[in-house]
Amino acid sequence: MVAFQDLDPLDLHKLLQESVDDLVLVDVRTPAEVARGTIPGAQPIPLHLLPVSAGSLDKAHPVVFYCQSGARSLQACMYLQQQGHDKLYNLRGGIMAWARNGLPIAPADKQAP
């Protein structure tokens, strides 16, 4: 049973504009990749640190993972599904698809705390 689903970049953008307060956006790329820019409002948790950081993600809140192309964020979804999370989303195509759709990318120093 799949407890997560893919999100299209335009659908994610719409959700973020609607200010879905409990939506958590997580960037699982490396710090070097994050330094090139992020989706506004994302919190960075590199994929290799997810096992030690997973406890900070509330199971009651939907979590959207993204990476460069969608492969690592898919792994993040599968891992958290095994940990009992059921409101998980993978940004299909990652930040590359986000950028191809002309959606905003914030400098790394402008991301939410």
PDB file of N, CA and C in Angstrom:
ATOM      1  N   MET A   1       0.837  -1.195   0.000  1.00  0.00           N
ATOM      2  CA  MET A   1       0.000   0.000   0.000  1.00  0.00           C
ATOM      3  C   MET A   1       0.871   1.243   0.000  1.00  0.00           C
ATOM      4  N   VAL A   2       0.604   2.161  -0.883  1.00  0.00           N
ATOM      5  CA  VAL A   2       1.368   3.396  -0.971  1.00  0.00           C
ATOM      6  C   VAL A   2       0.690   4.455  -0.120  1.00  0.00           C
ATOM      7  N   ALA A   3       1.437   4.990   0.837  1.00  0.00           N
ATOM      8  CA  ALA A   3       0.879   6.007   1.735  1.00  0.00           C
ATOM      9  C   ALA A   3       1.345   7.401   1.332  1.00  0.00           C
ATOM     10  N   PHE A   4       1.924   7.509   0.162  1.00  0.00           N
ATOM     11  CA  PHE A   4       2.351   8.826  -0.312  1.00  0.00           C
ATOM     12  C   PHE A   4       1.964   8.958  -1.769  1.00  0.00           C
ATOM     13  N   GLN A   5       1.985  10.176  -2.243  1.00  0.00           N
ATOM     14  CA  GLN A   5       1.651  10.395  -3.646  1.00  0.00           C
ATOM     15  C   GLN A   5       2.533  11.484  -4.227  1.00  0.00           C
ATOM     16  N   ASP A   6       2.636  11.487  -5.536  1.00  0.00           N
ATOM     17  CA  ASP A   6       3.397  12.515  -6.235  1.00  0.00           C
ATOM     18  C   ASP A   6       2.570  13.785  -6.332  1.00  0.00           C
ATOM     19  N   LEU A   7       3.259  14.904  -6.249  1.00  0.00           N
ATOM     20  CA  LEU A   7       2.631  16.210  -6.450  1.00  0.00           C
ATOM     21  C   LEU A   7       3.292  16.865  -7.649  1.00  0.00           C
ATOM     22  N   ASP A   8       2.511  17.414  -8.507  1.00  0.00           N
ATOM     23  CA  ASP A   8       2.984  18.206  -9.630  1.00  0.00           C
ATOM     24  C   ASP A   8       3.475  19.551  -9.089  1.00  0.00           C
ATOM     25  N   PRO A   9       4.530  20.163  -9.675  1.00  0.00           N
ATOM     26  CA  PRO A   9       5.007  21.455  -9.185  1.00  0.00           C
ATOM     27  C   PRO A   9       3.914  22.529  -9.108  1.00  0.00           C
ATOM     28  N   LEU A  10       3.022  22.569 -10.095  1.00  0.00           N
ATOM     29  CA  LEU A  10       1.965  23.587 -10.066  1.00  0.00           C
ATOM     30  C   LEU A  10       0.968  23.339  -8.935  1.00  0.00           C
ATOM     31  N   ASP A  11       0.692  22.059  -8.644  1.00  0.00           N
ATOM     32  CA  ASP A  11      -0.194  21.738  -7.525  1.00  0.00           C
ATOM     33  C   ASP A  11       0.441  22.135  -6.203  1.00  0.00           C
ATOM     34  N   LEU A  12       1.751  21.878  -6.048  1.00  0.00           N
ATOM     35  CA  LEU A  12       2.440  22.279  -4.825  1.00  0.00           C
ATOM     36  C   LEU A  12       2.434  23.796  -4.688  1.00  0.00           C
ATOM     37  N   HIS A  13       2.703  24.489  -5.765  1.00  0.00           N
ATOM     38  CA  HIS A  13       2.698  25.956  -5.715  1.00  0.00           C
ATOM     39  C   HIS A  13       1.342  26.479  -5.250  1.00  0.00           C
ATOM     40  N   LYS A  14       0.282  25.881  -5.763  1.00  0.00           N
ATOM     41  CA  LYS A  14      -1.068  26.285  -5.359  1.00  0.00           C
ATOM     42  C   LYS A  14      -1.279  26.035  -3.862  1.00  0.00           C
ATOM     43  N   LEU A  15      -0.861  24.870  -3.382  1.00  0.00           N
ATOM     44  CA  LEU A  15      -0.992  24.569  -1.954  1.00  0.00           C
ATOM     45  C   LEU A  15      -0.227  25.581  -1.099  1.00  0.00           C
ATOM     46  N   LEU A  16       0.980  25.918  -1.526  1.00  0.00           N
ATOM     47  CA  LEU A  16       1.789  26.875  -0.764  1.00  0.00           C
ATOM     48  C   LEU A  16       1.162  28.266  -0.782  1.00  0.00           C
ATOM     49  N   GLN A  17       0.553  28.647  -1.892  1.00  0.00           N
ATOM     50  CA  GLN A  17      -0.108  29.952  -1.973  1.00  0.00           C
ATOM     51  C   GLN A  17      -1.356  30.000  -1.115  1.00  0.00           C
ATOM     52  N   GLU A  18      -1.998  28.852  -0.932  1.00  0.00           N
ATOM     53  CA  GLU A  18      -3.196  28.795  -0.103  1.00  0.00           C
ATOM     54  C   GLU A  18      -2.854  28.819   1.381  1.00  0.00           C
ATOM     55  N   SER A  19      -1.568  28.917   1.676  1.00  0.00           N
ATOM     56  CA  SER A  19      -1.091  28.985   3.067  1.00  0.00           C
ATOM     57  C   SER A  19      -1.628  27.823   3.899  1.00  0.00           C
ATOM     58  N   VAL A  20      -1.428  26.632   3.414  1.00  0.00           N
ATOM     59  CA  VAL A  20      -1.810  25.453   4.181  1.00  0.00           C
ATOM     60  C   VAL A  20      -0.864  25.412   5.384  1.00  0.00           C
ATOM     61  N   ASP A  21      -1.375  25.879   6.530  1.00  0.00           N
ATOM     62  CA  ASP A  21      -0.534  26.095   7.707  1.00  0.00           C
ATOM     63  C   ASP A  21       0.203  24.863   8.193  1.00  0.00           C
ATOM     64  N   ASP A  22      -0.425  23.710   8.070  1.00  0.00           N
ATOM     65  CA  ASP A  22       0.220  22.530   8.633  1.00  0.00           C
ATOM     66  C   ASP A  22       1.105  21.783   7.635  1.00  0.00           C
ATOM     67  N   LEU A  23       1.213  22.290   6.407  1.00  0.00           N
ATOM     68  CA  LEU A  23       2.044  21.656   5.389  1.00  0.00           C
ATOM     69  C   LEU A  23       3.521  21.908   5.690  1.00  0.00           C
ATOM     70  N   VAL A  24       4.307  20.848   5.692  1.00  0.00           N
ATOM     71  CA  VAL A  24       5.746  20.945   5.941  1.00  0.00           C
ATOM     72  C   VAL A  24       6.459  20.609   4.637  1.00  0.00           C
ATOM     73  N   LEU A  25       7.332  21.514   4.193  1.00  0.00           N
ATOM     74  CA  LEU A  25       8.082  21.340   2.958  1.00  0.00           C
ATOM     75  C   LEU A  25       9.534  21.061   3.332  1.00  0.00           C
ATOM     76  N   VAL A  26      10.051  19.910   2.894  1.00  0.00           N
ATOM     77  CA  VAL A  26      11.395  19.484   3.281  1.00  0.00           C
ATOM     78  C   VAL A  26      12.260  19.258   2.041  1.00  0.00           C
ATOM     79  N   ASP A  27      13.425  19.898   2.036  1.00  0.00           N
ATOM     80  CA  ASP A  27      14.418  19.763   0.977  1.00  0.00           C
ATOM     81  C   ASP A  27      15.445  18.727   1.430  1.00  0.00           C
ATOM     82  N   VAL A  28      15.516  17.586   0.750  1.00  0.00           N
ATOM     83  CA  VAL A  28      16.424  16.520   1.168  1.00  0.00           C
ATOM     84  C   VAL A  28      17.743  16.517   0.379  1.00  0.00           C
ATOM     85  N   ARG A  29      18.033  17.619  -0.308  1.00  0.00           N
ATOM     86  CA  ARG A  29      19.285  17.703  -1.059  1.00  0.00           C
ATOM     87  C   ARG A  29      20.465  17.963  -0.113  1.00  0.00           C
ATOM     88  N   THR A  30      21.663  17.883  -0.652  1.00  0.00           N
ATOM     89  CA  THR A  30      22.871  18.144   0.127  1.00  0.00           C
ATOM     90  C   THR A  30      22.980  19.642   0.424  1.00  0.00           C
ATOM     91  N   PRO A  31      23.750  20.017   1.452  1.00  0.00           N
ATOM     92  CA  PRO A  31      23.941  21.443   1.731  1.00  0.00           C
ATOM     93  C   PRO A  31      24.477  22.227   0.526  1.00  0.00           C
ATOM     94  N   ALA A  32      25.351  21.619  -0.270  1.00  0.00           N
ATOM     95  CA  ALA A  32      25.881  22.298  -1.459  1.00  0.00           C
ATOM     96  C   ALA A  32      24.771  22.573  -2.471  1.00  0.00           C
ATOM     97  N   GLU A  33      23.857  21.623  -2.632  1.00  0.00           N
ATOM     98  CA  GLU A  33      22.737  21.824  -3.555  1.00  0.00           C
ATOM     99  C   GLU A  33      21.775  22.886  -3.004  1.00  0.00           C
ATOM    100  N   VAL A  34      21.504  22.825  -1.720  1.00  0.00           N
ATOM    101  CA  VAL A  34      20.605  23.800  -1.086  1.00  0.00           C
ATOM    102  C   VAL A  34      21.169  25.217  -1.233  1.00  0.00           C
ATOM    103  N   ALA A  35      22.493  25.340  -1.181  1.00  0.00           N
ATOM    104  CA  ALA A  35      23.136  26.656  -1.288  1.00  0.00           C
ATOM    105  C   ALA A  35      22.845  27.336  -2.626  1.00  0.00           C
ATOM    106  N   ARG A  36      22.465  26.550  -3.642  1.00  0.00           N
ATOM    107  CA  ARG A  36      22.147  27.123  -4.967  1.00  0.00           C
ATOM    108  C   ARG A  36      20.737  27.697  -5.032  1.00  0.00           C
ATOM    109  N   GLY A  37      19.942  27.461  -3.987  1.00  0.00           N
ATOM    110  CA  GLY A  37      18.585  27.991  -3.950  1.00  0.00           C
ATOM    111  C   GLY A  37      17.589  26.931  -3.538  1.00  0.00           C
ATOM    112  N   THR A  38      16.474  27.394  -2.961  1.00  0.00           N
ATOM    113  CA  THR A  38      15.462  26.486  -2.448  1.00  0.00           C
ATOM    114  C   THR A  38      14.068  26.956  -2.849  1.00  0.00           C
ATOM    115  N   ILE A  39      13.110  26.089  -2.653  1.00  0.00           N
ATOM    116  CA  ILE A  39      11.717  26.498  -2.781  1.00  0.00           C
ATOM    117  C   ILE A  39      11.396  27.289  -1.524  1.00  0.00           C
ATOM    118  N   PRO A  40      10.840  28.487  -1.657  1.00  0.00           N
ATOM    119  CA  PRO A  40      10.562  29.313  -0.480  1.00  0.00           C
ATOM    120  C   PRO A  40       9.755  28.561   0.581  1.00  0.00           C
ATOM    121  N   GLY A  41      10.224  28.653   1.826  1.00  0.00           N
ATOM    122  CA  GLY A  41       9.540  28.028   2.945  1.00  0.00           C
ATOM    123  C   GLY A  41      10.022  26.633   3.285  1.00  0.00           C
ATOM    124  N   ALA A  42      10.948  26.095   2.497  1.00  0.00           N
ATOM    125  CA  ALA A  42      11.427  24.729   2.743  1.00  0.00           C
ATOM    126  C   ALA A  42      12.426  24.698   3.891  1.00  0.00           C
ATOM    127  N   GLN A  43      12.394  23.590   4.617  1.00  0.00           N
ATOM    128  CA  GLN A  43      13.421  23.354   5.630  1.00  0.00           C
ATOM    129  C   GLN A  43      14.358  22.278   5.106  1.00  0.00           C
ATOM    130  N   PRO A  44      15.669  22.493   5.238  1.00  0.00           N
ATOM    131  CA  PRO A  44      16.613  21.495   4.728  1.00  0.00           C
ATOM    132  C   PRO A  44      16.846  20.367   5.728  1.00  0.00           C
ATOM    133  N   ILE A  45      16.663  19.145   5.262  1.00  0.00           N
ATOM    134  CA  ILE A  45      17.060  17.944   6.006  1.00  0.00           C
ATOM    135  C   ILE A  45      17.691  17.020   4.971  1.00  0.00           C
ATOM    136  N   PRO A  46      19.025  17.019   4.869  1.00  0.00           N
ATOM    137  CA  PRO A  46      19.663  16.134   3.887  1.00  0.00           C
ATOM    138  C   PRO A  46      19.201  14.686   4.081  1.00  0.00           C
ATOM    139  N   LEU A  47      19.015  13.980   2.985  1.00  0.00           N
ATOM    140  CA  LEU A  47      18.481  12.625   3.030  1.00  0.00           C
ATOM    141  C   LEU A  47      19.240  11.741   4.014  1.00  0.00           C
ATOM    142  N   HIS A  48      20.563  11.857   4.046  1.00  0.00           N
ATOM    143  CA  HIS A  48      21.339  10.981   4.928  1.00  0.00           C
ATOM    144  C   HIS A  48      21.109  11.289   6.416  1.00  0.00           C
ATOM    145  N   LEU A  49      20.539  12.459   6.726  1.00  0.00           N
ATOM    146  CA  LEU A  49      20.234  12.805   8.119  1.00  0.00           C
ATOM    147  C   LEU A  49      18.770  12.560   8.485  1.00  0.00           C
ATOM    148  N   LEU A  50      17.973  12.132   7.527  1.00  0.00           N
ATOM    149  CA  LEU A  50      16.549  11.922   7.793  1.00  0.00           C
ATOM    150  C   LEU A  50      16.289  10.933   8.935  1.00  0.00           C
ATOM    151  N   PRO A  51      17.030   9.821   9.028  1.00  0.00           N
ATOM    152  CA  PRO A  51      16.757   8.908  10.140  1.00  0.00           C
ATOM    153  C   PRO A  51      16.905   9.553  11.527  1.00  0.00           C
ATOM    154  N   VAL A  52      17.831  10.488  11.673  1.00  0.00           N
ATOM    155  CA  VAL A  52      18.007  11.140  12.978  1.00  0.00           C
ATOM    156  C   VAL A  52      17.117  12.366  13.133  1.00  0.00           C
ATOM    157  N   SER A  53      16.550  12.853  12.043  1.00  0.00           N
ATOM    158  CA  SER A  53      15.695  14.045  12.085  1.00  0.00           C
ATOM    159  C   SER A  53      14.212  13.729  11.958  1.00  0.00           C
ATOM    160  N   ALA A  54      13.873  12.500  11.640  1.00  0.00           N
ATOM    161  CA  ALA A  54      12.482  12.138  11.375  1.00  0.00           C
ATOM    162  C   ALA A  54      11.567  12.442  12.553  1.00  0.00           C
ATOM    163  N   GLY A  55      12.080  12.352  13.761  1.00  0.00           N
ATOM    164  CA  GLY A  55      11.273  12.615  14.945  1.00  0.00           C
ATOM    165  C   GLY A  55      10.773  14.043  15.030  1.00  0.00           C
ATOM    166  N   SER A  56      11.431  14.958  14.317  1.00  0.00           N
ATOM    167  CA  SER A  56      11.006  16.362  14.337  1.00  0.00           C
ATOM    168  C   SER A  56       9.827  16.619  13.401  1.00  0.00           C
ATOM    169  N   LEU A  57       9.453  15.630  12.599  1.00  0.00           N
ATOM    170  CA  LEU A  57       8.344  15.773  11.658  1.00  0.00           C
ATOM    171  C   LEU A  57       7.086  15.156  12.264  1.00  0.00           C
ATOM    172  N   ASP A  58       6.116  15.994  12.562  1.00  0.00           N
ATOM    173  CA  ASP A  58       4.872  15.574  13.201  1.00  0.00           C
ATOM    174  C   ASP A  58       4.046  14.722  12.242  1.00  0.00           C
ATOM    175  N   LYS A  59       3.654  13.537  12.687  1.00  0.00           N
ATOM    176  CA  LYS A  59       2.874  12.630  11.837  1.00  0.00           C
ATOM    177  C   LYS A  59       1.495  13.186  11.497  1.00  0.00           C
ATOM    178  N   ALA A  60       1.024  14.173  12.257  1.00  0.00           N
ATOM    179  CA  ALA A  60      -0.298  14.749  12.006  1.00  0.00           C
ATOM    180  C   ALA A  60      -0.276  15.752  10.851  1.00  0.00           C
ATOM    181  N   HIS A  61       0.927  16.197  10.448  1.00  0.00           N
ATOM    182  CA  HIS A  61       1.040  17.208   9.399  1.00  0.00           C
ATOM    183  C   HIS A  61       1.471  16.587   8.083  1.00  0.00           C
ATOM    184  N   PRO A  62       0.900  17.042   6.984  1.00  0.00           N
ATOM    185  CA  PRO A  62       1.370  16.560   5.679  1.00  0.00           C
ATOM    186  C   PRO A  62       2.785  17.053   5.410  1.00  0.00           C
ATOM    187  N   VAL A  63       3.618  16.178   4.867  1.00  0.00           N
ATOM    188  CA  VAL A  63       5.010  16.516   4.564  1.00  0.00           C
ATOM    189  C   VAL A  63       5.242  16.330   3.074  1.00  0.00           C
ATOM    190  N   VAL A  64       5.800  17.362   2.445  1.00  0.00           N
ATOM    191  CA  VAL A  64       6.173  17.296   1.031  1.00  0.00           C
ATOM    192  C   VAL A  64       7.689  17.289   0.964  1.00  0.00           C
ATOM    193  N   PHE A  65       8.250  16.262   0.352  1.00  0.00           N
ATOM    194  CA  PHE A  65       9.694  16.163   0.169  1.00  0.00           C
ATOM    195  C   PHE A  65      10.043  16.531  -1.264  1.00  0.00           C
ATOM    196  N   TYR A  66      11.201  17.179  -1.412  1.00  0.00           N
ATOM    197  CA  TYR A  66      11.723  17.387  -2.759  1.00  0.00           C
ATOM    198  C   TYR A  66      13.243  17.308  -2.729  1.00  0.00           C
ATOM    199  N   CYS A  67      13.794  17.019  -3.893  1.00  0.00           N
ATOM    200  CA  CYS A  67      15.241  16.974  -4.078  1.00  0.00           C
ATOM    201  C   CYS A  67      15.532  17.602  -5.441  1.00  0.00           C
ATOM    202  N   GLN A  68      16.603  17.186  -6.080  1.00  0.00           N
ATOM    203  CA  GLN A  68      16.946  17.751  -7.384  1.00  0.00           C
ATOM    204  C   GLN A  68      16.004  17.262  -8.481  1.00  0.00           C
ATOM    205  N   SER A  69      15.751  15.927  -8.506  1.00  0.00           N
ATOM    206  CA  SER A  69      14.958  15.368  -9.605  1.00  0.00           C
ATOM    207  C   SER A  69      13.770  14.519  -9.172  1.00  0.00           C
ATOM    208  N   GLY A  70      13.658  14.241  -7.884  1.00  0.00           N
ATOM    209  CA  GLY A  70      12.537  13.447  -7.387  1.00  0.00           C
ATOM    210  C   GLY A  70      12.903  12.064  -6.889  1.00  0.00           C
ATOM    211  N   ALA A  71      14.133  11.615  -7.116  1.00  0.00           N
ATOM    212  CA  ALA A  71      14.525  10.264  -6.704  1.00  0.00           C
ATOM    213  C   ALA A  71      14.792  10.169  -5.201  1.00  0.00           C
ATOM    214  N   ARG A  72      15.582  11.101  -4.664  1.00  0.00           N
ATOM    215  CA  ARG A  72      15.883  11.061  -3.227  1.00  0.00           C
ATOM    216  C   ARG A  72      14.652  11.375  -2.392  1.00  0.00           C
ATOM    217  N   SER A  73      13.812  12.284  -2.887  1.00  0.00           N
ATOM    218  CA  SER A  73      12.599  12.602  -2.132  1.00  0.00           C
ATOM    219  C   SER A  73      11.644  11.403  -2.117  1.00  0.00           C
ATOM    220  N   LEU A  74      11.658  10.602  -3.165  1.00  0.00           N
ATOM    221  CA  LEU A  74      10.875   9.363  -3.176  1.00  0.00           C
ATOM    222  C   LEU A  74      11.389   8.412  -2.090  1.00  0.00           C
ATOM    223  N   GLN A  75      12.707   8.328  -1.950  1.00  0.00           N
ATOM    224  CA  GLN A  75      13.299   7.503  -0.885  1.00  0.00           C
ATOM    225  C   GLN A  75      12.880   8.028   0.491  1.00  0.00           C
ATOM    226  N   ALA A  76      12.843   9.348   0.648  1.00  0.00           N
ATOM    227  CA  ALA A  76      12.425   9.946   1.921  1.00  0.00           C
ATOM    228  C   ALA A  76      10.980   9.571   2.234  1.00  0.00           C
ATOM    229  N   CYS A  77      10.121   9.622   1.236  1.00  0.00           N
ATOM    230  CA  CYS A  77       8.718   9.221   1.429  1.00  0.00           C
ATOM    231  C   CYS A  77       8.621   7.766   1.854  1.00  0.00           C
ATOM    232  N   MET A  78       9.364   6.901   1.177  1.00  0.00           N
ATOM    233  CA  MET A  78       9.309   5.476   1.513  1.00  0.00           C
ATOM    234  C   MET A  78       9.815   5.233   2.931  1.00  0.00           C
ATOM    235  N   TYR A  79      10.869   5.942   3.330  1.00  0.00           N
ATOM    236  CA  TYR A  79      11.414   5.774   4.676  1.00  0.00           C
ATOM    237  C   TYR A  79      10.390   6.216   5.730  1.00  0.00           C
ATOM    238  N   LEU A  80       9.808   7.398   5.557  1.00  0.00           N
ATOM    239  CA  LEU A  80       8.858   7.883   6.560  1.00  0.00           C
ATOM    240  C   LEU A  80       7.577   7.063   6.568  1.00  0.00           C
ATOM    241  N   GLN A  81       7.212   6.512   5.430  1.00  0.00           N
ATOM    242  CA  GLN A  81       6.057   5.610   5.397  1.00  0.00           C
ATOM    243  C   GLN A  81       6.324   4.426   6.327  1.00  0.00           C
ATOM    244  N   GLN A  82       7.537   3.893   6.288  1.00  0.00           N
ATOM    245  CA  GLN A  82       7.912   2.776   7.165  1.00  0.00           C
ATOM    246  C   GLN A  82       7.902   3.187   8.638  1.00  0.00           C
ATOM    247  N   GLN A  83       8.049   4.495   8.898  1.00  0.00           N
ATOM    248  CA  GLN A  83       8.058   4.994  10.273  1.00  0.00           C
ATOM    249  C   GLN A  83       6.656   5.355  10.762  1.00  0.00           C
ATOM    250  N   GLY A  84       5.639   5.110   9.924  1.00  0.00           N
ATOM    251  CA  GLY A  84       4.264   5.321  10.345  1.00  0.00           C
ATOM    252  C   GLY A  84       3.620   6.610   9.884  1.00  0.00           C
ATOM    253  N   HIS A  85       4.301   7.392   9.059  1.00  0.00           N
ATOM    254  CA  HIS A  85       3.700   8.614   8.509  1.00  0.00           C
ATOM    255  C   HIS A  85       2.761   8.229   7.378  1.00  0.00           C
ATOM    256  N   ASP A  86       1.639   8.939   7.253  1.00  0.00           N
ATOM    257  CA  ASP A  86       0.714   8.606   6.170  1.00  0.00           C
ATOM    258  C   ASP A  86       0.260   9.811   5.359  1.00  0.00           C
ATOM    259  N   LYS A  87       0.817  10.979   5.626  1.00  0.00           N
ATOM    260  CA  LYS A  87       0.481  12.181   4.848  1.00  0.00           C
ATOM    261  C   LYS A  87       1.760  12.669   4.173  1.00  0.00           C
ATOM    262  N   LEU A  88       2.206  11.912   3.195  1.00  0.00           N
ATOM    263  CA  LEU A  88       3.489  12.168   2.552  1.00  0.00           C
ATOM    264  C   LEU A  88       3.306  12.448   1.068  1.00  0.00           C
ATOM    265  N   TYR A  89       4.107  13.384   0.569  1.00  0.00           N
ATOM    266  CA  TYR A  89       4.046  13.772  -0.833  1.00  0.00           C
ATOM    267  C   TYR A  89       5.458  13.920  -1.382  1.00  0.00           C
ATOM    268  N   ASN A  90       5.620  13.536  -2.632  1.00  0.00           N
ATOM    269  CA  ASN A  90       6.886  13.655  -3.339  1.00  0.00           C
ATOM    270  C   ASN A  90       6.697  14.647  -4.479  1.00  0.00           C
ATOM    271  N   LEU A  91       7.548  15.685  -4.523  1.00  0.00           N
ATOM    272  CA  LEU A  91       7.470  16.638  -5.632  1.00  0.00           C
ATOM    273  C   LEU A  91       8.037  15.965  -6.877  1.00  0.00           C
ATOM    274  N   ARG A  92       7.166  15.614  -7.791  1.00  0.00           N
ATOM    275  CA  ARG A  92       7.559  14.930  -9.026  1.00  0.00           C
ATOM    276  C   ARG A  92       8.496  15.813  -9.839  1.00  0.00           C
ATOM    277  N   GLY A  93       9.675  15.293 -10.142  1.00  0.00           N
ATOM    278  CA  GLY A  93      10.643  16.046 -10.939  1.00  0.00           C
ATOM    279  C   GLY A  93      11.529  16.960 -10.115  1.00  0.00           C
ATOM    280  N   GLY A  94      11.271  17.051  -8.825  1.00  0.00           N
ATOM    281  CA  GLY A  94      12.104  17.836  -7.921  1.00  0.00           C
ATOM    282  C   GLY A  94      12.149  19.322  -8.249  1.00  0.00           C
ATOM    283  N   ILE A  95      13.194  19.957  -7.732  1.00  0.00           N
ATOM    284  CA  ILE A  95      13.326  21.398  -7.923  1.00  0.00           C
ATOM    285  C   ILE A  95      13.599  21.732  -9.391  1.00  0.00           C
ATOM    286  N   MET A  96      14.117  20.760 -10.157  1.00  0.00           N
ATOM    287  CA  MET A  96      14.324  21.009 -11.591  1.00  0.00           C
ATOM    288  C   MET A  96      12.979  21.219 -12.283  1.00  0.00           C
ATOM    289  N   ALA A  97      11.985  20.394 -11.956  1.00  0.00           N
ATOM    290  CA  ALA A  97      10.649  20.561 -12.544  1.00  0.00           C
ATOM    291  C   ALA A  97      10.016  21.853 -12.041  1.00  0.00           C
ATOM    292  N   TRP A  98      10.229  22.173 -10.762  1.00  0.00           N
ATOM    293  CA  TRP A  98       9.730  23.425 -10.179  1.00  0.00           C
ATOM    294  C   TRP A  98      10.255  24.609 -10.993  1.00  0.00           C
ATOM    295  N   ALA A  99      11.572  24.624 -11.237  1.00  0.00           N
ATOM    296  CA  ALA A  99      12.196  25.717 -11.992  1.00  0.00           C
ATOM    297  C   ALA A  99      11.723  25.741 -13.442  1.00  0.00           C
ATOM    298  N   ARG A 100      11.568  24.562 -14.067  1.00  0.00           N
ATOM    299  CA  ARG A 100      11.094  24.501 -15.461  1.00  0.00           C
ATOM    300  C   ARG A 100       9.705  25.113 -15.605  1.00  0.00           C
ATOM    301  N   ASN A 101       8.926  25.089 -14.525  1.00  0.00           N
ATOM    302  CA  ASN A 101       7.593  25.678 -14.550  1.00  0.00           C
ATOM    303  C   ASN A 101       7.618  27.165 -14.220  1.00  0.00           C
ATOM    304  N   GLY A 102       8.814  27.729 -14.061  1.00  0.00           N
ATOM    305  CA  GLY A 102       8.949  29.156 -13.795  1.00  0.00           C
ATOM    306  C   GLY A 102       8.547  29.563 -12.386  1.00  0.00           C
ATOM    307  N   LEU A 103       8.555  28.619 -11.464  1.00  0.00           N
ATOM    308  CA  LEU A 103       8.147  28.900 -10.092  1.00  0.00           C
ATOM    309  C   LEU A 103       9.326  29.459  -9.295  1.00  0.00           C
ATOM    310  N   PRO A 104       9.044  30.192  -8.214  1.00  0.00           N
ATOM    311  CA  PRO A 104      10.105  30.926  -7.510  1.00  0.00           C
ATOM    312  C   PRO A 104      11.102  30.031  -6.779  1.00  0.00           C
ATOM    313  N   ILE A 105      12.359  30.441  -6.865  1.00  0.00           N
ATOM    314  CA  ILE A 105      13.434  29.798  -6.115  1.00  0.00           C
ATOM    315  C   ILE A 105      14.097  30.898  -5.288  1.00  0.00           C
ATOM    316  N   ALA A 106      14.191  30.661  -3.988  1.00  0.00           N
ATOM    317  CA  ALA A 106      14.757  31.634  -3.075  1.00  0.00           C
ATOM    318  C   ALA A 106      16.243  31.345  -2.843  1.00  0.00           C
ATOM    319  N   PRO A 107      17.042  32.384  -2.664  1.00  0.00           N
ATOM    320  CA  PRO A 107      18.422  32.140  -2.252  1.00  0.00           C
ATOM    321  C   PRO A 107      18.420  31.387  -0.923  1.00  0.00           C
ATOM    322  N   ALA A 108      19.422  30.573  -0.702  1.00  0.00           N
ATOM    323  CA  ALA A 108      19.473  29.739   0.504  1.00  0.00           C
ATOM    324  C   ALA A 108      19.365  30.568   1.778  1.00  0.00           C
ATOM    325  N   ASP A 109      19.893  31.774   1.783  1.00  0.00           N
ATOM    326  CA  ASP A 109      19.849  32.591   3.003  1.00  0.00           C
ATOM    327  C   ASP A 109      18.470  33.233   3.233  1.00  0.00           C
ATOM    328  N   LYS A 110      17.546  33.053   2.313  1.00  0.00           N
ATOM    329  CA  LYS A 110      16.206  33.626   2.437  1.00  0.00           C
ATOM    330  C   LYS A 110      15.164  32.610   2.839  1.00  0.00           C
ATOM    331  N   GLN A 111      15.572  31.387   3.180  1.00  0.00           N
ATOM    332  CA  GLN A 111      14.599  30.361   3.512  1.00  0.00           C
ATOM    333  C   GLN A 111      14.068  30.548   4.924  1.00  0.00           C
ATOM    334  N   ALA A 112      12.941  29.943   5.172  1.00  0.00           N
ATOM    335  CA  ALA A 112      12.307  30.035   6.493  1.00  0.00           C
ATOM    336  C   ALA A 112      13.170  29.329   7.516  1.00  0.00           C
ATOM    337  N   PRO A 113      13.145  29.792   8.776  1.00  0.00           N
ATOM    338  CA  PRO A 113      13.959  29.166   9.821  1.00  0.00           C
ATOM    339  C   PRO A 113      13.509  27.746  10.103  1.00  0.00           C
TER     340      PRO A 113
END
